[in-house]
Amino acid sequence: MAELNFHHLRYFWAVAQHRHLTRAAAALHVSPSALSIQLRQLEERLGHALFERRNRQMVLTEAGRIALAHADTIFRTGQELVSTL
């Protein structure tokens, strides 16, 4: 089984926060097309669509909401580690 790519997870997390691909891409300093490719790779890895694209907004699917809860925990734990050390 291939490991989870945490860069893909960080990109997903940013899009979920911004709810907009272009804004998230700008915040991450990547192109929207590169970000879209990374999201697609994460969705393929997980086997589920994480967003529904409605107009220009990115709306989380049920799988996306589950993934976001895990991503929040992962990144919060990482920040706690940095703060602790």
N, C-alpha and C. Protein backbone atom coordinates (compact mmCIF):
# COMPACT_ATOMS: atom_id res chain seq x y z
N MET A 1 0.84 -1.17 0.00
CA MET A 1 0.00 0.00 0.00
C MET A 1 0.89 1.25 0.00
N ALA A 2 0.59 2.18 -0.88
CA ALA A 2 1.36 3.42 -0.96
C ALA A 2 1.04 4.30 0.24
N GLU A 3 2.03 5.03 0.70
CA GLU A 3 1.85 5.92 1.84
C GLU A 3 1.11 7.18 1.43
N LEU A 4 0.51 7.84 2.41
CA LEU A 4 -0.18 9.10 2.18
C LEU A 4 0.85 10.20 1.94
N ASN A 5 0.63 10.99 0.93
CA ASN A 5 1.50 12.11 0.62
C ASN A 5 1.00 13.32 1.41
N PHE A 6 1.80 13.77 2.39
CA PHE A 6 1.37 14.86 3.26
C PHE A 6 1.34 16.20 2.55
N HIS A 7 2.08 16.36 1.46
CA HIS A 7 1.97 17.58 0.65
C HIS A 7 0.59 17.64 0.03
N HIS A 8 0.10 16.53 -0.48
CA HIS A 8 -1.25 16.48 -1.04
C HIS A 8 -2.28 16.82 0.04
N LEU A 9 -2.07 16.28 1.24
CA LEU A 9 -2.99 16.53 2.34
C LEU A 9 -2.97 18.01 2.72
N ARG A 10 -1.81 18.62 2.73
CA ARG A 10 -1.70 20.06 3.04
C ARG A 10 -2.43 20.88 1.98
N TYR A 11 -2.29 20.50 0.73
CA TYR A 11 -2.99 21.21 -0.35
C TYR A 11 -4.50 21.06 -0.20
N PHE A 12 -4.94 19.85 0.08
CA PHE A 12 -6.36 19.60 0.30
C PHE A 12 -6.86 20.48 1.45
N TRP A 13 -6.11 20.52 2.53
CA TRP A 13 -6.48 21.28 3.72
C TRP A 13 -6.63 22.76 3.39
N ALA A 14 -5.70 23.28 2.59
CA ALA A 14 -5.76 24.69 2.20
C ALA A 14 -7.00 24.98 1.35
N VAL A 15 -7.30 24.11 0.40
CA VAL A 15 -8.49 24.31 -0.43
C VAL A 15 -9.75 24.24 0.43
N ALA A 16 -9.78 23.33 1.37
CA ALA A 16 -10.94 23.22 2.27
C ALA A 16 -11.10 24.49 3.10
N GLN A 17 -10.00 25.10 3.52
CA GLN A 17 -10.06 26.33 4.30
C GLN A 17 -10.54 27.50 3.46
N HIS A 18 -10.00 27.61 2.24
CA HIS A 18 -10.32 28.75 1.36
C HIS A 18 -11.63 28.56 0.59
N ARG A 19 -12.01 27.29 0.41
CA ARG A 19 -13.20 26.92 -0.38
C ARG A 19 -13.14 27.45 -1.81
N HIS A 20 -11.93 27.66 -2.27
CA HIS A 20 -11.74 28.20 -3.61
C HIS A 20 -10.35 27.79 -4.09
N LEU A 21 -10.29 27.15 -5.24
CA LEU A 21 -9.03 26.62 -5.74
C LEU A 21 -8.01 27.72 -6.01
N THR A 22 -8.41 28.79 -6.67
CA THR A 22 -7.48 29.85 -7.04
C THR A 22 -6.92 30.56 -5.81
N ARG A 23 -7.78 30.83 -4.83
CA ARG A 23 -7.30 31.49 -3.60
C ARG A 23 -6.34 30.59 -2.83
N ALA A 24 -6.66 29.32 -2.76
CA ALA A 24 -5.77 28.38 -2.08
C ALA A 24 -4.44 28.28 -2.81
N ALA A 25 -4.49 28.24 -4.14
CA ALA A 25 -3.26 28.17 -4.93
C ALA A 25 -2.39 29.40 -4.67
N ALA A 26 -3.00 30.57 -4.61
CA ALA A 26 -2.24 31.79 -4.34
C ALA A 26 -1.60 31.73 -2.96
N ALA A 27 -2.35 31.25 -1.97
CA ALA A 27 -1.81 31.15 -0.60
C ALA A 27 -0.67 30.15 -0.52
N LEU A 28 -0.73 29.12 -1.35
CA LEU A 28 0.30 28.07 -1.35
C LEU A 28 1.46 28.38 -2.31
N HIS A 29 1.31 29.44 -3.10
CA HIS A 29 2.33 29.82 -4.09
C HIS A 29 2.53 28.75 -5.15
N VAL A 30 1.41 28.18 -5.61
CA VAL A 30 1.43 27.22 -6.71
C VAL A 30 0.37 27.65 -7.71
N SER A 31 0.43 27.12 -8.91
CA SER A 31 -0.59 27.46 -9.91
C SER A 31 -1.87 26.68 -9.61
N PRO A 32 -3.01 27.24 -10.00
CA PRO A 32 -4.26 26.50 -9.80
C PRO A 32 -4.25 25.14 -10.51
N SER A 33 -3.65 25.07 -11.68
CA SER A 33 -3.62 23.78 -12.39
C SER A 33 -2.76 22.76 -11.64
N ALA A 34 -1.63 23.19 -11.08
CA ALA A 34 -0.78 22.28 -10.30
C ALA A 34 -1.53 21.82 -9.05
N LEU A 35 -2.25 22.73 -8.41
CA LEU A 35 -3.01 22.37 -7.21
C LEU A 35 -4.12 21.39 -7.56
N SER A 36 -4.78 21.62 -8.67
CA SER A 36 -5.84 20.71 -9.12
C SER A 36 -5.30 19.30 -9.35
N ILE A 37 -4.14 19.21 -9.95
CA ILE A 37 -3.51 17.90 -10.19
C ILE A 37 -3.20 17.20 -8.87
N GLN A 38 -2.68 17.96 -7.90
CA GLN A 38 -2.35 17.37 -6.60
C GLN A 38 -3.60 16.87 -5.90
N LEU A 39 -4.68 17.64 -5.98
CA LEU A 39 -5.94 17.21 -5.37
C LEU A 39 -6.46 15.94 -6.03
N ARG A 40 -6.38 15.89 -7.35
CA ARG A 40 -6.83 14.71 -8.08
C ARG A 40 -6.03 13.48 -7.66
N GLN A 41 -4.71 13.65 -7.48
CA GLN A 41 -3.88 12.53 -7.05
C GLN A 41 -4.27 12.05 -5.65
N LEU A 42 -4.58 12.98 -4.76
CA LEU A 42 -5.02 12.59 -3.42
C LEU A 42 -6.36 11.86 -3.49
N GLU A 43 -7.27 12.37 -4.29
CA GLU A 43 -8.57 11.71 -4.44
C GLU A 43 -8.40 10.30 -5.00
N GLU A 44 -7.51 10.15 -5.97
CA GLU A 44 -7.25 8.82 -6.53
C GLU A 44 -6.65 7.90 -5.47
N ARG A 45 -5.74 8.43 -4.67
CA ARG A 45 -5.10 7.63 -3.61
C ARG A 45 -6.13 7.17 -2.58
N LEU A 46 -7.05 8.07 -2.23
CA LEU A 46 -8.05 7.75 -1.21
C LEU A 46 -9.25 7.00 -1.79
N GLY A 47 -9.41 7.08 -3.10
CA GLY A 47 -10.52 6.38 -3.74
C GLY A 47 -11.86 7.07 -3.62
N HIS A 48 -11.84 8.37 -3.32
CA HIS A 48 -13.08 9.13 -3.15
C HIS A 48 -12.89 10.56 -3.61
N ALA A 49 -13.94 11.12 -4.17
CA ALA A 49 -13.93 12.56 -4.46
C ALA A 49 -14.01 13.30 -3.13
N LEU A 50 -13.19 14.32 -2.97
CA LEU A 50 -13.18 15.09 -1.72
C LEU A 50 -13.96 16.39 -1.84
N PHE A 51 -14.14 16.86 -3.07
CA PHE A 51 -14.86 18.10 -3.32
C PHE A 51 -15.86 17.91 -4.43
N GLU A 52 -16.92 18.69 -4.35
CA GLU A 52 -17.81 18.91 -5.48
C GLU A 52 -17.50 20.32 -5.94
N ARG A 53 -17.33 20.49 -7.22
CA ARG A 53 -17.05 21.82 -7.75
C ARG A 53 -18.37 22.44 -8.16
N ARG A 54 -18.78 23.48 -7.45
CA ARG A 54 -20.03 24.19 -7.72
C ARG A 54 -19.69 25.62 -8.08
N ASN A 55 -20.00 25.97 -9.32
CA ASN A 55 -19.60 27.27 -9.84
C ASN A 55 -18.09 27.39 -9.63
N ARG A 56 -17.66 28.34 -8.84
CA ARG A 56 -16.22 28.47 -8.59
C ARG A 56 -15.84 28.06 -7.18
N GLN A 57 -16.81 27.55 -6.45
CA GLN A 57 -16.53 27.13 -5.08
C GLN A 57 -16.28 25.64 -5.00
N MET A 58 -15.48 25.27 -4.02
CA MET A 58 -15.17 23.88 -3.74
C MET A 58 -15.96 23.49 -2.48
N VAL A 59 -16.88 22.56 -2.64
CA VAL A 59 -17.73 22.12 -1.53
C VAL A 59 -17.31 20.71 -1.15
N LEU A 60 -17.05 20.51 0.14
CA LEU A 60 -16.62 19.20 0.62
C LEU A 60 -17.71 18.15 0.45
N THR A 61 -17.32 16.98 0.00
CA THR A 61 -18.21 15.82 -0.01
C THR A 61 -18.18 15.21 1.39
N GLU A 62 -18.95 14.17 1.60
CA GLU A 62 -18.90 13.46 2.89
C GLU A 62 -17.49 12.93 3.15
N ALA A 63 -16.87 12.34 2.13
CA ALA A 63 -15.49 11.85 2.27
C ALA A 63 -14.55 13.02 2.56
N GLY A 64 -14.80 14.16 1.94
CA GLY A 64 -14.00 15.35 2.17
C GLY A 64 -14.11 15.85 3.60
N ARG A 65 -15.32 15.80 4.17
CA ARG A 65 -15.49 16.22 5.56
C ARG A 65 -14.74 15.28 6.51
N ILE A 66 -14.77 14.00 6.21
CA ILE A 66 -14.03 13.02 7.04
C ILE A 66 -12.53 13.28 6.91
N ALA A 67 -12.07 13.47 5.68
CA ALA A 67 -10.64 13.73 5.45
C ALA A 67 -10.21 15.03 6.13
N LEU A 68 -11.07 16.06 6.09
CA LEU A 68 -10.72 17.33 6.73
C LEU A 68 -10.59 17.18 8.24
N ALA A 69 -11.46 16.41 8.86
CA ALA A 69 -11.36 16.19 10.30
C ALA A 69 -10.03 15.53 10.65
N HIS A 70 -9.61 14.56 9.85
CA HIS A 70 -8.32 13.91 10.08
C HIS A 70 -7.17 14.87 9.81
N ALA A 71 -7.27 15.65 8.73
CA ALA A 71 -6.20 16.61 8.40
C ALA A 71 -6.06 17.65 9.51
N ASP A 72 -7.18 18.14 10.03
CA ASP A 72 -7.13 19.10 11.15
C ASP A 72 -6.36 18.50 12.32
N THR A 73 -6.65 17.27 12.65
CA THR A 73 -5.98 16.59 13.76
C THR A 73 -4.49 16.42 13.48
N ILE A 74 -4.17 15.99 12.28
CA ILE A 74 -2.77 15.77 11.90
C ILE A 74 -1.97 17.07 12.00
N PHE A 75 -2.50 18.15 11.42
CA PHE A 75 -1.74 19.40 11.41
C PHE A 75 -1.73 20.08 12.78
N ARG A 76 -2.79 19.90 13.57
CA ARG A 76 -2.79 20.43 14.93
C ARG A 76 -1.75 19.69 15.77
N THR A 77 -1.67 18.38 15.63
CA THR A 77 -0.69 17.58 16.35
C THR A 77 0.73 17.97 15.94
N GLY A 78 0.93 18.20 14.65
CA GLY A 78 2.24 18.64 14.18
C GLY A 78 2.64 19.97 14.79
N GLN A 79 1.68 20.90 14.87
CA GLN A 79 1.97 22.20 15.47
C GLN A 79 2.27 22.06 16.96
N GLU A 80 1.56 21.17 17.64
CA GLU A 80 1.83 20.92 19.05
C GLU A 80 3.24 20.37 19.25
N LEU A 81 3.67 19.50 18.36
CA LEU A 81 5.02 18.95 18.43
C LEU A 81 6.05 20.06 18.31
N VAL A 82 5.86 20.93 17.32
CA VAL A 82 6.80 22.04 17.12
C VAL A 82 6.81 22.95 18.34
N SER A 83 5.62 23.27 18.87
CA SER A 83 5.54 24.13 20.04
C SER A 83 6.18 23.51 21.27
N THR A 84 6.00 22.20 21.42
CA THR A 84 6.55 21.51 22.58
C THR A 84 8.08 21.45 22.54
N LEU A 85 8.60 21.20 21.36
CA LEU A 85 10.05 21.08 21.26
C LEU A 85 10.71 22.42 21.05
